[in-house]
Amino acid sequence: MFFREVLEHHVPMSETLLRVTDKKPQIQDYMMFLAWRSFAADAANRSAFIPWETLREQLWQEDSNPYRIRSRFKVAIASLKSAWPELQAEAKSKGLWIAPPKLGMHLLLGNSPSRRISSNVSRTSS
């Protein structure tokens, strides 16, 4: 069921962003996580707040510096917003806040004429 969901609702990532972050795999992981969580927030039609400790466990991050995950997420958010200004995410003092993208504009590949998801497209599997 999990893999079917991934195949049906994959979250695209810009090849350019992947190349730019090639030598920064942790930032790349965080950017992909942000794109996925933004999509999930939009599908659920609500924002989410994830405490740093919970996020550290989700990402298998065992860094001894509790503030480093926040600073790295700040970098990932700023980098991703430069290519996708509709991203709504913020590295707050207690955790990561993420909401659906502005105007439903998802990060899509290539020269897509429209980045808005049609409201009549089903997001659930039948």
PDB file of N, CA and C in Angstrom:
ATOM      1  N   MET A   1       0.824  -1.187   0.000  1.00  0.00           N
ATOM      2  CA  MET A   1       0.000   0.000   0.000  1.00  0.00           C
ATOM      3  C   MET A   1       0.877   1.264   0.000  1.00  0.00           C
ATOM      4  N   PHE A   2       1.965   1.244   0.806  1.00  0.00           N
ATOM      5  CA  PHE A   2       2.856   2.391   0.875  1.00  0.00           C
ATOM      6  C   PHE A   2       3.466   2.704  -0.497  1.00  0.00           C
ATOM      7  N   PHE A   3       3.995   1.679  -1.171  1.00  0.00           N
ATOM      8  CA  PHE A   3       4.642   1.901  -2.466  1.00  0.00           C
ATOM      9  C   PHE A   3       3.646   2.320  -3.542  1.00  0.00           C
ATOM     10  N   ARG A   4       2.429   1.827  -3.459  1.00  0.00           N
ATOM     11  CA  ARG A   4       1.394   2.267  -4.399  1.00  0.00           C
ATOM     12  C   ARG A   4       1.127   3.761  -4.216  1.00  0.00           C
ATOM     13  N   GLU A   5       1.067   4.186  -2.957  1.00  0.00           N
ATOM     14  CA  GLU A   5       0.847   5.604  -2.665  1.00  0.00           C
ATOM     15  C   GLU A   5       1.994   6.454  -3.227  1.00  0.00           C
ATOM     16  N   VAL A   6       3.227   5.998  -3.024  1.00  0.00           N
ATOM     17  CA  VAL A   6       4.385   6.733  -3.543  1.00  0.00           C
ATOM     18  C   VAL A   6       4.319   6.837  -5.066  1.00  0.00           C
ATOM     19  N   LEU A   7       3.986   5.749  -5.726  1.00  0.00           N
ATOM     20  CA  LEU A   7       3.908   5.765  -7.182  1.00  0.00           C
ATOM     21  C   LEU A   7       2.771   6.648  -7.692  1.00  0.00           C
ATOM     22  N   GLU A   8       1.657   6.640  -6.999  1.00  0.00           N
ATOM     23  CA  GLU A   8       0.506   7.433  -7.441  1.00  0.00           C
ATOM     24  C   GLU A   8       0.639   8.911  -7.090  1.00  0.00           C
ATOM     25  N   HIS A   9       1.317   9.221  -6.004  1.00  0.00           N
ATOM     26  CA  HIS A   9       1.381  10.603  -5.516  1.00  0.00           C
ATOM     27  C   HIS A   9       2.819  11.041  -5.282  1.00  0.00           C
ATOM     28  N   HIS A  10       3.693  10.706  -6.216  1.00  0.00           N
ATOM     29  CA  HIS A  10       5.092  11.091  -6.050  1.00  0.00           C
ATOM     30  C   HIS A  10       5.215  12.620  -6.025  1.00  0.00           C
ATOM     31  N   VAL A  11       6.236  13.095  -5.359  1.00  0.00           N
ATOM     32  CA  VAL A  11       6.485  14.526  -5.273  1.00  0.00           C
ATOM     33  C   VAL A  11       7.702  14.823  -6.134  1.00  0.00           C
ATOM     34  N   PRO A  12       7.512  15.538  -7.232  1.00  0.00           N
ATOM     35  CA  PRO A  12       8.644  15.804  -8.131  1.00  0.00           C
ATOM     36  C   PRO A  12       9.659  16.745  -7.498  1.00  0.00           C
ATOM     37  N   MET A  13      10.899  16.590  -7.896  1.00  0.00           N
ATOM     38  CA  MET A  13      11.968  17.470  -7.429  1.00  0.00           C
ATOM     39  C   MET A  13      12.745  17.935  -8.652  1.00  0.00           C
ATOM     40  N   SER A  14      13.047  19.181  -8.685  1.00  0.00           N
ATOM     41  CA  SER A  14      13.771  19.778  -9.797  1.00  0.00           C
ATOM     42  C   SER A  14      15.161  19.147  -9.937  1.00  0.00           C
ATOM     43  N   GLU A  15      15.482  18.734 -11.139  1.00  0.00           N
ATOM     44  CA  GLU A  15      16.808  18.161 -11.399  1.00  0.00           C
ATOM     45  C   GLU A  15      17.903  19.189 -11.125  1.00  0.00           C
ATOM     46  N   THR A  16      17.624  20.442 -11.421  1.00  0.00           N
ATOM     47  CA  THR A  16      18.595  21.501 -11.166  1.00  0.00           C
ATOM     48  C   THR A  16      18.890  21.608  -9.673  1.00  0.00           C
ATOM     49  N   LEU A  17      17.828  21.572  -8.849  1.00  0.00           N
ATOM     50  CA  LEU A  17      18.037  21.635  -7.400  1.00  0.00           C
ATOM     51  C   LEU A  17      18.820  20.428  -6.902  1.00  0.00           C
ATOM     52  N   LEU A  18      18.558  19.279  -7.482  1.00  0.00           N
ATOM     53  CA  LEU A  18      19.301  18.082  -7.088  1.00  0.00           C
ATOM     54  C   LEU A  18      20.780  18.219  -7.450  1.00  0.00           C
ATOM     55  N   ARG A  19      21.059  18.765  -8.631  1.00  0.00           N
ATOM     56  CA  ARG A  19      22.451  18.958  -9.037  1.00  0.00           C
ATOM     57  C   ARG A  19      23.163  19.987  -8.161  1.00  0.00           C
ATOM     58  N   VAL A  20      22.476  21.083  -7.847  1.00  0.00           N
ATOM     59  CA  VAL A  20      23.066  22.137  -7.032  1.00  0.00           C
ATOM     60  C   VAL A  20      23.403  21.628  -5.629  1.00  0.00           C
ATOM     61  N   THR A  21      22.614  20.719  -5.117  1.00  0.00           N
ATOM     62  CA  THR A  21      22.823  20.199  -3.762  1.00  0.00           C
ATOM     63  C   THR A  21      23.544  18.849  -3.757  1.00  0.00           C
ATOM     64  N   ASP A  22      24.122  18.481  -4.886  1.00  0.00           N
ATOM     65  CA  ASP A  22      24.783  17.193  -5.023  1.00  0.00           C
ATOM     66  C   ASP A  22      25.833  16.944  -3.937  1.00  0.00           C
ATOM     67  N   LYS A  23      26.576  17.959  -3.576  1.00  0.00           N
ATOM     68  CA  LYS A  23      27.639  17.818  -2.579  1.00  0.00           C
ATOM     69  C   LYS A  23      27.151  18.158  -1.169  1.00  0.00           C
ATOM     70  N   LYS A  24      25.845  18.386  -1.029  1.00  0.00           N
ATOM     71  CA  LYS A  24      25.238  18.701   0.269  1.00  0.00           C
ATOM     72  C   LYS A  24      24.038  17.778   0.477  1.00  0.00           C
ATOM     73  N   PRO A  25      24.278  16.495   0.681  1.00  0.00           N
ATOM     74  CA  PRO A  25      23.172  15.536   0.740  1.00  0.00           C
ATOM     75  C   PRO A  25      22.171  15.793   1.861  1.00  0.00           C
ATOM     76  N   GLN A  26      22.622  16.331   2.987  1.00  0.00           N
ATOM     77  CA  GLN A  26      21.676  16.587   4.070  1.00  0.00           C
ATOM     78  C   GLN A  26      20.712  17.714   3.692  1.00  0.00           C
ATOM     79  N   ILE A  27      21.217  18.777   3.088  1.00  0.00           N
ATOM     80  CA  ILE A  27      20.351  19.871   2.636  1.00  0.00           C
ATOM     81  C   ILE A  27      19.410  19.351   1.560  1.00  0.00           C
ATOM     82  N   GLN A  28      19.918  18.511   0.664  1.00  0.00           N
ATOM     83  CA  GLN A  28      19.076  17.905  -0.372  1.00  0.00           C
ATOM     84  C   GLN A  28      17.944  17.087   0.260  1.00  0.00           C
ATOM     85  N   ASP A  29      18.272  16.290   1.259  1.00  0.00           N
ATOM     86  CA  ASP A  29      17.249  15.505   1.957  1.00  0.00           C
ATOM     87  C   ASP A  29      16.203  16.415   2.588  1.00  0.00           C
ATOM     88  N   TYR A  30      16.650  17.489   3.219  1.00  0.00           N
ATOM     89  CA  TYR A  30      15.720  18.401   3.877  1.00  0.00           C
ATOM     90  C   TYR A  30      14.822  19.096   2.860  1.00  0.00           C
ATOM     91  N   MET A  31      15.387  19.474   1.712  1.00  0.00           N
ATOM     92  CA  MET A  31      14.586  20.118   0.668  1.00  0.00           C
ATOM     93  C   MET A  31      13.525  19.154   0.131  1.00  0.00           C
ATOM     94  N   MET A  32      13.905  17.906  -0.078  1.00  0.00           N
ATOM     95  CA  MET A  32      12.935  16.922  -0.561  1.00  0.00           C
ATOM     96  C   MET A  32      11.879  16.667   0.509  1.00  0.00           C
ATOM     97  N   PHE A  33      12.275  16.635   1.773  1.00  0.00           N
ATOM     98  CA  PHE A  33      11.331  16.472   2.869  1.00  0.00           C
ATOM     99  C   PHE A  33      10.334  17.639   2.890  1.00  0.00           C
ATOM    100  N   LEU A  34      10.839  18.863   2.713  1.00  0.00           N
ATOM    101  CA  LEU A  34       9.971  20.041   2.699  1.00  0.00           C
ATOM    102  C   LEU A  34       8.968  19.990   1.546  1.00  0.00           C
ATOM    103  N   ALA A  35       9.421  19.595   0.367  1.00  0.00           N
ATOM    104  CA  ALA A  35       8.513  19.485  -0.777  1.00  0.00           C
ATOM    105  C   ALA A  35       7.433  18.446  -0.504  1.00  0.00           C
ATOM    106  N   TRP A  36       7.840  17.318   0.065  1.00  0.00           N
ATOM    107  CA  TRP A  36       6.876  16.258   0.373  1.00  0.00           C
ATOM    108  C   TRP A  36       5.889  16.713   1.441  1.00  0.00           C
ATOM    109  N   ARG A  37       6.388  17.339   2.523  1.00  0.00           N
ATOM    110  CA  ARG A  37       5.489  17.770   3.599  1.00  0.00           C
ATOM    111  C   ARG A  37       4.562  18.886   3.144  1.00  0.00           C
ATOM    112  N   SER A  38       5.012  19.725   2.229  1.00  0.00           N
ATOM    113  CA  SER A  38       4.142  20.759   1.677  1.00  0.00           C
ATOM    114  C   SER A  38       2.997  20.114   0.888  1.00  0.00           C
ATOM    115  N   PHE A  39       3.329  19.095   0.101  1.00  0.00           N
ATOM    116  CA  PHE A  39       2.314  18.357  -0.646  1.00  0.00           C
ATOM    117  C   PHE A  39       1.333  17.697   0.328  1.00  0.00           C
ATOM    118  N   ALA A  40       1.861  17.077   1.386  1.00  0.00           N
ATOM    119  CA  ALA A  40       1.009  16.406   2.372  1.00  0.00           C
ATOM    120  C   ALA A  40       0.121  17.411   3.102  1.00  0.00           C
ATOM    121  N   ALA A  41       0.656  18.585   3.413  1.00  0.00           N
ATOM    122  CA  ALA A  41      -0.146  19.620   4.075  1.00  0.00           C
ATOM    123  C   ALA A  41      -1.279  20.075   3.173  1.00  0.00           C
ATOM    124  N   ASP A  42      -0.992  20.170   1.874  1.00  0.00           N
ATOM    125  CA  ASP A  42      -2.026  20.568   0.918  1.00  0.00           C
ATOM    126  C   ASP A  42      -3.086  19.479   0.798  1.00  0.00           C
ATOM    127  N   ALA A  43      -2.668  18.223   0.751  1.00  0.00           N
ATOM    128  CA  ALA A  43      -3.622  17.111   0.651  1.00  0.00           C
ATOM    129  C   ALA A  43      -4.516  17.058   1.885  1.00  0.00           C
ATOM    130  N   ALA A  44      -3.962  17.388   3.051  1.00  0.00           N
ATOM    131  CA  ALA A  44      -4.736  17.386   4.295  1.00  0.00           C
ATOM    132  C   ALA A  44      -5.456  18.715   4.514  1.00  0.00           C
ATOM    133  N   ASN A  45      -5.120  19.707   3.690  1.00  0.00           N
ATOM    134  CA  ASN A  45      -5.713  21.037   3.757  1.00  0.00           C
ATOM    135  C   ASN A  45      -5.488  21.702   5.127  1.00  0.00           C
ATOM    136  N   ARG A  46      -4.273  21.521   5.660  1.00  0.00           N
ATOM    137  CA  ARG A  46      -3.952  22.158   6.942  1.00  0.00           C
ATOM    138  C   ARG A  46      -2.443  22.246   7.120  1.00  0.00           C
ATOM    139  N   SER A  47      -2.033  23.154   7.968  1.00  0.00           N
ATOM    140  CA  SER A  47      -0.613  23.287   8.273  1.00  0.00           C
ATOM    141  C   SER A  47      -0.230  22.268   9.344  1.00  0.00           C
ATOM    142  N   ALA A  48       1.071  22.129   9.540  1.00  0.00           N
ATOM    143  CA  ALA A  48       1.566  21.186  10.540  1.00  0.00           C
ATOM    144  C   ALA A  48       2.735  21.824  11.278  1.00  0.00           C
ATOM    145  N   PHE A  49       2.895  21.425  12.528  1.00  0.00           N
ATOM    146  CA  PHE A  49       4.034  21.849  13.324  1.00  0.00           C
ATOM    147  C   PHE A  49       4.703  20.588  13.844  1.00  0.00           C
ATOM    148  N   ILE A  50       5.992  20.437  13.549  1.00  0.00           N
ATOM    149  CA  ILE A  50       6.734  19.246  13.958  1.00  0.00           C
ATOM    150  C   ILE A  50       7.854  19.678  14.898  1.00  0.00           C
ATOM    151  N   PRO A  51       7.788  19.281  16.173  1.00  0.00           N
ATOM    152  CA  PRO A  51       8.870  19.629  17.103  1.00  0.00           C
ATOM    153  C   PRO A  51      10.207  19.072  16.616  1.00  0.00           C
ATOM    154  N   TRP A  52      11.296  19.788  16.925  1.00  0.00           N
ATOM    155  CA  TRP A  52      12.621  19.382  16.445  1.00  0.00           C
ATOM    156  C   TRP A  52      12.974  17.971  16.871  1.00  0.00           C
ATOM    157  N   GLU A  53      12.654  17.600  18.086  1.00  0.00           N
ATOM    158  CA  GLU A  53      12.996  16.259  18.556  1.00  0.00           C
ATOM    159  C   GLU A  53      12.275  15.182  17.739  1.00  0.00           C
ATOM    160  N   THR A  54      11.017  15.428  17.436  1.00  0.00           N
ATOM    161  CA  THR A  54      10.253  14.485  16.613  1.00  0.00           C
ATOM    162  C   THR A  54      10.825  14.426  15.205  1.00  0.00           C
ATOM    163  N   LEU A  55      11.162  15.579  14.664  1.00  0.00           N
ATOM    164  CA  LEU A  55      11.727  15.627  13.318  1.00  0.00           C
ATOM    165  C   LEU A  55      13.085  14.933  13.280  1.00  0.00           C
ATOM    166  N   ARG A  56      13.877  15.122  14.306  1.00  0.00           N
ATOM    167  CA  ARG A  56      15.192  14.465  14.390  1.00  0.00           C
ATOM    168  C   ARG A  56      15.015  12.943  14.354  1.00  0.00           C
ATOM    169  N   GLU A  57      14.013  12.440  15.064  1.00  0.00           N
ATOM    170  CA  GLU A  57      13.748  10.994  15.060  1.00  0.00           C
ATOM    171  C   GLU A  57      13.262  10.525  13.689  1.00  0.00           C
ATOM    172  N   GLN A  58      12.399  11.307  13.041  1.00  0.00           N
ATOM    173  CA  GLN A  58      11.884  10.938  11.715  1.00  0.00           C
ATOM    174  C   GLN A  58      12.997  10.854  10.686  1.00  0.00           C
ATOM    175  N   LEU A  59      13.964  11.749  10.806  1.00  0.00           N
ATOM    176  CA  LEU A  59      15.049  11.822   9.812  1.00  0.00           C
ATOM    177  C   LEU A  59      16.297  11.051  10.243  1.00  0.00           C
ATOM    178  N   TRP A  60      16.208  10.302  11.314  1.00  0.00           N
ATOM    179  CA  TRP A  60      17.341   9.540  11.834  1.00  0.00           C
ATOM    180  C   TRP A  60      18.558  10.429  12.036  1.00  0.00           C
ATOM    181  N   GLN A  61      18.335  11.594  12.553  1.00  0.00           N
ATOM    182  CA  GLN A  61      19.391  12.570  12.781  1.00  0.00           C
ATOM    183  C   GLN A  61      19.880  12.439  14.211  1.00  0.00           C
ATOM    184  N   GLU A  62      21.137  12.064  14.393  1.00  0.00           N
ATOM    185  CA  GLU A  62      21.689  11.864  15.735  1.00  0.00           C
ATOM    186  C   GLU A  62      22.722  12.921  16.086  1.00  0.00           C
ATOM    187  N   ASP A  63      22.611  14.080  15.510  1.00  0.00           N
ATOM    188  CA  ASP A  63      23.543  15.165  15.779  1.00  0.00           C
ATOM    189  C   ASP A  63      23.469  15.554  17.260  1.00  0.00           C
ATOM    190  N   SER A  64      24.612  15.730  17.890  1.00  0.00           N
ATOM    191  CA  SER A  64      24.642  16.067  19.311  1.00  0.00           C
ATOM    192  C   SER A  64      24.279  17.535  19.563  1.00  0.00           C
ATOM    193  N   ASN A  65      24.346  18.373  18.545  1.00  0.00           N
ATOM    194  CA  ASN A  65      23.996  19.779  18.687  1.00  0.00           C
ATOM    195  C   ASN A  65      22.504  19.942  18.374  1.00  0.00           C
ATOM    196  N   PRO A  66      21.679  20.231  19.385  1.00  0.00           N
ATOM    197  CA  PRO A  66      20.233  20.303  19.164  1.00  0.00           C
ATOM    198  C   PRO A  66      19.797  21.471  18.282  1.00  0.00           C
ATOM    199  N   TYR A  67      20.657  22.468  18.088  1.00  0.00           N
ATOM    200  CA  TYR A  67      20.280  23.632  17.287  1.00  0.00           C
ATOM    201  C   TYR A  67      20.687  23.507  15.821  1.00  0.00           C
ATOM    202  N   ARG A  68      21.536  22.526  15.512  1.00  0.00           N
ATOM    203  CA  ARG A  68      22.031  22.397  14.147  1.00  0.00           C
ATOM    204  C   ARG A  68      20.921  22.019  13.168  1.00  0.00           C
ATOM    205  N   ILE A  69      19.979  21.171  13.580  1.00  0.00           N
ATOM    206  CA  ILE A  69      18.906  20.771  12.673  1.00  0.00           C
ATOM    207  C   ILE A  69      18.079  21.996  12.267  1.00  0.00           C
ATOM    208  N   ARG A  70      17.842  22.892  13.222  1.00  0.00           N
ATOM    209  CA  ARG A  70      17.097  24.117  12.915  1.00  0.00           C
ATOM    210  C   ARG A  70      17.868  24.978  11.913  1.00  0.00           C
ATOM    211  N   SER A  71      19.152  25.174  12.149  1.00  0.00           N
ATOM    212  CA  SER A  71      19.937  26.026  11.246  1.00  0.00           C
ATOM    213  C   SER A  71      20.020  25.412   9.851  1.00  0.00           C
ATOM    214  N   ARG A  72      20.111  24.095   9.768  1.00  0.00           N
ATOM    215  CA  ARG A  72      20.168  23.460   8.449  1.00  0.00           C
ATOM    216  C   ARG A  72      18.820  23.537   7.740  1.00  0.00           C
ATOM    217  N   PHE A  73      17.738  23.440   8.494  1.00  0.00           N
ATOM    218  CA  PHE A  73      16.421  23.606   7.878  1.00  0.00           C
ATOM    219  C   PHE A  73      16.225  25.040   7.394  1.00  0.00           C
ATOM    220  N   LYS A  74      16.777  26.010   8.112  1.00  0.00           N
ATOM    221  CA  LYS A  74      16.705  27.403   7.649  1.00  0.00           C
ATOM    222  C   LYS A  74      17.377  27.544   6.287  1.00  0.00           C
ATOM    223  N   VAL A  75      18.535  26.915   6.132  1.00  0.00           N
ATOM    224  CA  VAL A  75      19.255  26.956   4.854  1.00  0.00           C
ATOM    225  C   VAL A  75      18.433  26.265   3.766  1.00  0.00           C
ATOM    226  N   ALA A  76      17.886  25.097   4.085  1.00  0.00           N
ATOM    227  CA  ALA A  76      17.093  24.349   3.101  1.00  0.00           C
ATOM    228  C   ALA A  76      15.850  25.134   2.687  1.00  0.00           C
ATOM    229  N   ILE A  77      15.185  25.768   3.629  1.00  0.00           N
ATOM    230  CA  ILE A  77      13.984  26.554   3.319  1.00  0.00           C
ATOM    231  C   ILE A  77      14.350  27.732   2.434  1.00  0.00           C
ATOM    232  N   ALA A  78      15.384  28.468   2.793  1.00  0.00           N
ATOM    233  CA  ALA A  78      15.808  29.628   1.990  1.00  0.00           C
ATOM    234  C   ALA A  78      16.210  29.200   0.580  1.00  0.00           C
ATOM    235  N   SER A  79      16.935  28.103   0.478  1.00  0.00           N
ATOM    236  CA  SER A  79      17.363  27.614  -0.838  1.00  0.00           C
ATOM    237  C   SER A  79      16.169  27.198  -1.684  1.00  0.00           C
ATOM    238  N   LEU A  80      15.245  26.481  -1.076  1.00  0.00           N
ATOM    239  CA  LEU A  80      14.081  26.004  -1.818  1.00  0.00           C
ATOM    240  C   LEU A  80      13.166  27.160  -2.206  1.00  0.00           C
ATOM    241  N   LYS A  81      13.027  28.147  -1.334  1.00  0.00           N
ATOM    242  CA  LYS A  81      12.184  29.311  -1.648  1.00  0.00           C
ATOM    243  C   LYS A  81      12.746  30.130  -2.809  1.00  0.00           C
ATOM    244  N   SER A  82      14.061  30.064  -3.029  1.00  0.00           N
ATOM    245  CA  SER A  82      14.634  30.813  -4.153  1.00  0.00           C
ATOM    246  C   SER A  82      14.138  30.256  -5.485  1.00  0.00           C
ATOM    247  N   ALA A  83      13.825  28.975  -5.519  1.00  0.00           N
ATOM    248  CA  ALA A  83      13.293  28.352  -6.738  1.00  0.00           C
ATOM    249  C   ALA A  83      11.775  28.202  -6.686  1.00  0.00           C
ATOM    250  N   TRP A  84      11.228  28.234  -5.489  1.00  0.00           N
ATOM    251  CA  TRP A  84       9.798  27.980  -5.296  1.00  0.00           C
ATOM    252  C   TRP A  84       9.275  28.913  -4.201  1.00  0.00           C
ATOM    253  N   PRO A  85       9.009  30.172  -4.543  1.00  0.00           N
ATOM    254  CA  PRO A  85       8.607  31.163  -3.533  1.00  0.00           C
ATOM    255  C   PRO A  85       7.269  30.848  -2.857  1.00  0.00           C
ATOM    256  N   GLU A  86       6.488  29.957  -3.422  1.00  0.00           N
ATOM    257  CA  GLU A  86       5.193  29.614  -2.825  1.00  0.00           C
ATOM    258  C   GLU A  86       5.305  28.705  -1.604  1.00  0.00           C
ATOM    259  N   LEU A  87       6.494  28.167  -1.352  1.00  0.00           N
ATOM    260  CA  LEU A  87       6.697  27.317  -0.184  1.00  0.00           C
ATOM    261  C   LEU A  87       6.373  28.102   1.081  1.00  0.00           C
ATOM    262  N   GLN A  88       5.575  27.497   1.954  1.00  0.00           N
ATOM    263  CA  GLN A  88       5.270  28.097   3.247  1.00  0.00           C
ATOM    264  C   GLN A  88       5.836  27.193   4.342  1.00  0.00           C
ATOM    265  N   ALA A  89       7.007  27.550   4.817  1.00  0.00           N
ATOM    266  CA  ALA A  89       7.670  26.777   5.860  1.00  0.00           C
ATOM    267  C   ALA A  89       8.553  27.724   6.652  1.00  0.00           C
ATOM    268  N   GLU A  90       8.697  27.412   7.936  1.00  0.00           N
ATOM    269  CA  GLU A  90       9.538  28.244   8.785  1.00  0.00           C
ATOM    270  C   GLU A  90      10.170  27.379   9.872  1.00  0.00           C
ATOM    271  N   ALA A  91      11.467  27.584  10.064  1.00  0.00           N
ATOM    272  CA  ALA A  91      12.194  26.906  11.139  1.00  0.00           C
ATOM    273  C   ALA A  91      12.047  27.769  12.382  1.00  0.00           C
ATOM    274  N   LYS A  92      11.096  27.411  13.228  1.00  0.00           N
ATOM    275  CA  LYS A  92      10.829  28.177  14.446  1.00  0.00           C
ATOM    276  C   LYS A  92      11.687  27.645  15.594  1.00  0.00           C
ATOM    277  N   SER A  93      11.663  28.323  16.706  1.00  0.00           N
ATOM    278  CA  SER A  93      12.532  27.927  17.819  1.00  0.00           C
ATOM    279  C   SER A  93      12.217  26.531  18.353  1.00  0.00           C
ATOM    280  N   LYS A  94      10.951  26.128  18.345  1.00  0.00           N
ATOM    281  CA  LYS A  94      10.562  24.827  18.910  1.00  0.00           C
ATOM    282  C   LYS A  94      10.368  23.731  17.869  1.00  0.00           C
ATOM    283  N   GLY A  95      10.335  24.105  16.570  1.00  0.00           N
ATOM    284  CA  GLY A  95      10.130  23.085  15.553  1.00  0.00           C
ATOM    285  C   GLY A  95       9.869  23.666  14.175  1.00  0.00           C
ATOM    286  N   LEU A  96       9.537  22.803  13.255  1.00  0.00           N
ATOM    287  CA  LEU A  96       9.285  23.172  11.867  1.00  0.00           C
ATOM    288  C   LEU A  96       7.799  23.386  11.652  1.00  0.00           C
ATOM    289  N   TRP A  97       7.429  24.555  11.113  1.00  0.00           N
ATOM    290  CA  TRP A  97       6.053  24.833  10.722  1.00  0.00           C
ATOM    291  C   TRP A  97       5.991  24.730   9.206  1.00  0.00           C
ATOM    292  N   ILE A  98       5.016  24.009   8.704  1.00  0.00           N
ATOM    293  CA  ILE A  98       4.857  23.885   7.250  1.00  0.00           C
ATOM    294  C   ILE A  98       3.379  23.892   6.917  1.00  0.00           C
ATOM    295  N   ALA A  99       3.044  24.563   5.822  1.00  0.00           N
ATOM    296  CA  ALA A  99       1.653  24.715   5.407  1.00  0.00           C
ATOM    297  C   ALA A  99       1.544  24.422   3.913  1.00  0.00           C
ATOM    298  N   PRO A 100       0.311  24.314   3.416  1.00  0.00           N
ATOM    299  CA  PRO A 100       0.147  24.142   1.965  1.00  0.00           C
ATOM    300  C   PRO A 100       0.814  25.300   1.218  1.00  0.00           C
ATOM    301  N   PRO A 101       1.301  25.061   0.025  1.00  0.00           N
ATOM    302  CA  PRO A 101       1.951  26.139  -0.727  1.00  0.00           C
ATOM    303  C   PRO A 101       0.948  27.240  -1.073  1.00  0.00           C
ATOM    304  N   LYS A 102       1.448  28.456  -1.163  1.00  0.00           N
ATOM    305  CA  LYS A 102       0.598  29.593  -1.533  1.00  0.00           C
ATOM    306  C   LYS A 102      -0.097  29.311  -2.855  1.00  0.00           C
ATOM    307  N   LEU A 103      -1.370  29.611  -2.902  1.00  0.00           N
ATOM    308  CA  LEU A 103      -2.202  29.461  -4.104  1.00  0.00           C
ATOM    309  C   LEU A 103      -2.172  28.047  -4.684  1.00  0.00           C
ATOM    310  N   GLY A 104      -1.790  27.063  -3.885  1.00  0.00           N
ATOM    311  CA  GLY A 104      -1.742  25.678  -4.362  1.00  0.00           C
ATOM    312  C   GLY A 104      -0.672  25.434  -5.410  1.00  0.00           C
ATOM    313  N   MET A 105       0.344  26.293  -5.441  1.00  0.00           N
ATOM    314  CA  MET A 105       1.395  26.190  -6.453  1.00  0.00           C
ATOM    315  C   MET A 105       2.500  25.250  -5.979  1.00  0.00           C
ATOM    316  N   HIS A 106       2.482  24.036  -6.481  1.00  0.00           N
ATOM    317  CA  HIS A 106       3.474  23.034  -6.110  1.00  0.00           C
ATOM    318  C   HIS A 106       4.718  23.159  -6.962  1.00  0.00           C
ATOM    319  N   LEU A 107       5.809  22.661  -6.438  1.00  0.00           N
ATOM    320  CA  LEU A 107       7.069  22.634  -7.173  1.00  0.00           C
ATOM    321  C   LEU A 107       6.969  21.536  -8.214  1.00  0.00           C
ATOM    322  N   LEU A 108       6.979  21.928  -9.479  1.00  0.00           N
ATOM    323  CA  LEU A 108       6.892  20.947 -10.561  1.00  0.00           C
ATOM    324  C   LEU A 108       8.085  21.084 -11.487  1.00  0.00           C
ATOM    325  N   LEU A 109       8.268  20.070 -12.287  1.00  0.00           N
ATOM    326  CA  LEU A 109       9.422  19.996 -13.166  1.00  0.00           C
ATOM    327  C   LEU A 109       9.203  20.723 -14.483  1.00  0.00           C
ATOM    328  N   GLY A 110      10.301  21.097 -15.080  1.00  0.00           N
ATOM    329  CA  GLY A 110      10.306  21.577 -16.451  1.00  0.00           C
ATOM    330  C   GLY A 110       9.543  22.863 -16.668  1.00  0.00           C
ATOM    331  N   ASN A 111       9.019  23.007 -17.864  1.00  0.00           N
ATOM    332  CA  ASN A 111       8.325  24.211 -18.287  1.00  0.00           C
ATOM    333  C   ASN A 111       6.819  24.014 -18.233  1.00  0.00           C
ATOM    334  N   SER A 112       6.345  23.482 -17.147  1.00  0.00           N
ATOM    335  CA  SER A 112       4.926  23.239 -16.994  1.00  0.00           C
ATOM    336  C   SER A 112       4.161  24.548 -17.147  1.00  0.00           C
ATOM    337  N   PRO A 113       3.122  24.580 -18.001  1.00  0.00           N
ATOM    338  CA  PRO A 113       2.366  25.814 -18.198  1.00  0.00           C
ATOM    339  C   PRO A 113       1.621  26.234 -16.930  1.00  0.00           C
ATOM    340  N   SER A 114       1.289  25.287 -16.083  1.00  0.00           N
ATOM    341  CA  SER A 114       0.569  25.609 -14.859  1.00  0.00           C
ATOM    342  C   SER A 114       1.120  24.762 -13.726  1.00  0.00           C
ATOM    343  N   ARG A 115       1.348  25.391 -12.600  1.00  0.00           N
ATOM    344  CA  ARG A 115       1.839  24.646 -11.458  1.00  0.00           C
ATOM    345  C   ARG A 115       0.731  24.435 -10.438  1.00  0.00           C
ATOM    346  N   ARG A 116      -0.487  24.773 -10.776  1.00  0.00           N
ATOM    347  CA  ARG A 116      -1.590  24.616  -9.842  1.00  0.00           C
ATOM    348  C   ARG A 116      -2.245  23.262 -10.036  1.00  0.00           C
ATOM    349  N   ILE A 117      -2.538  22.599  -8.937  1.00  0.00           N
ATOM    350  CA  ILE A 117      -3.244  21.324  -9.001  1.00  0.00           C
ATOM    351  C   ILE A 117      -4.724  21.623  -9.137  1.00  0.00           C
ATOM    352  N   SER A 118      -5.346  21.002 -10.093  1.00  0.00           N
ATOM    353  CA  SER A 118      -6.779  21.189 -10.286  1.00  0.00           C
ATOM    354  C   SER A 118      -7.545  20.667  -9.090  1.00  0.00           C
ATOM    355  N   SER A 119      -8.533  21.419  -8.656  1.00  0.00           N
ATOM    356  CA  SER A 119      -9.306  21.002  -7.473  1.00  0.00           C
ATOM    357  C   SER A 119     -10.155  19.780  -7.742  1.00  0.00           C
ATOM    358  N   ASN A 120     -10.382  19.437  -9.013  1.00  0.00           N
ATOM    359  CA  ASN A 120     -11.209  18.262  -9.292  1.00  0.00           C
ATOM    360  C   ASN A 120     -10.367  17.003  -9.527  1.00  0.00           C
ATOM    361  N   VAL A 121      -9.059  17.098  -9.308  1.00  0.00           N
ATOM    362  CA  VAL A 121      -8.201  15.917  -9.421  1.00  0.00           C
ATOM    363  C   VAL A 121      -8.260  15.183  -8.093  1.00  0.00           C
ATOM    364  N   SER A 122      -8.573  13.918  -8.129  1.00  0.00           N
ATOM    365  CA  SER A 122      -8.653  13.134  -6.901  1.00  0.00           C
ATOM    366  C   SER A 122      -7.262  12.874  -6.361  1.00  0.00           C
ATOM    367  N   ARG A 123      -7.081  13.077  -5.070  1.00  0.00           N
ATOM    368  CA  ARG A 123      -5.788  12.841  -4.437  1.00  0.00           C
ATOM    369  C   ARG A 123      -5.789  11.520  -3.681  1.00  0.00           C
ATOM    370  N   THR A 124      -6.853  10.808  -3.730  1.00  0.00           N
ATOM    371  CA  THR A 124      -6.890   9.516  -3.041  1.00  0.00           C
ATOM    372  C   THR A 124      -6.978   8.412  -4.063  1.00  0.00           C
ATOM    373  N   SER A 125      -6.456   7.248  -3.705  1.00  0.00           N
ATOM    374  CA  SER A 125      -6.508   6.143  -4.633  1.00  0.00           C
ATOM    375  C   SER A 125      -7.892   5.521  -4.615  1.00  0.00           C
ATOM    376  N   SER A 126      -8.295   4.994  -5.745  1.00  0.00           N
ATOM    377  CA  SER A 126      -9.633   4.401  -5.821  1.00  0.00           C
ATOM    378  C   SER A 126      -9.579   2.907  -5.666  1.00  0.00           C
TER     379      SER A 126
END
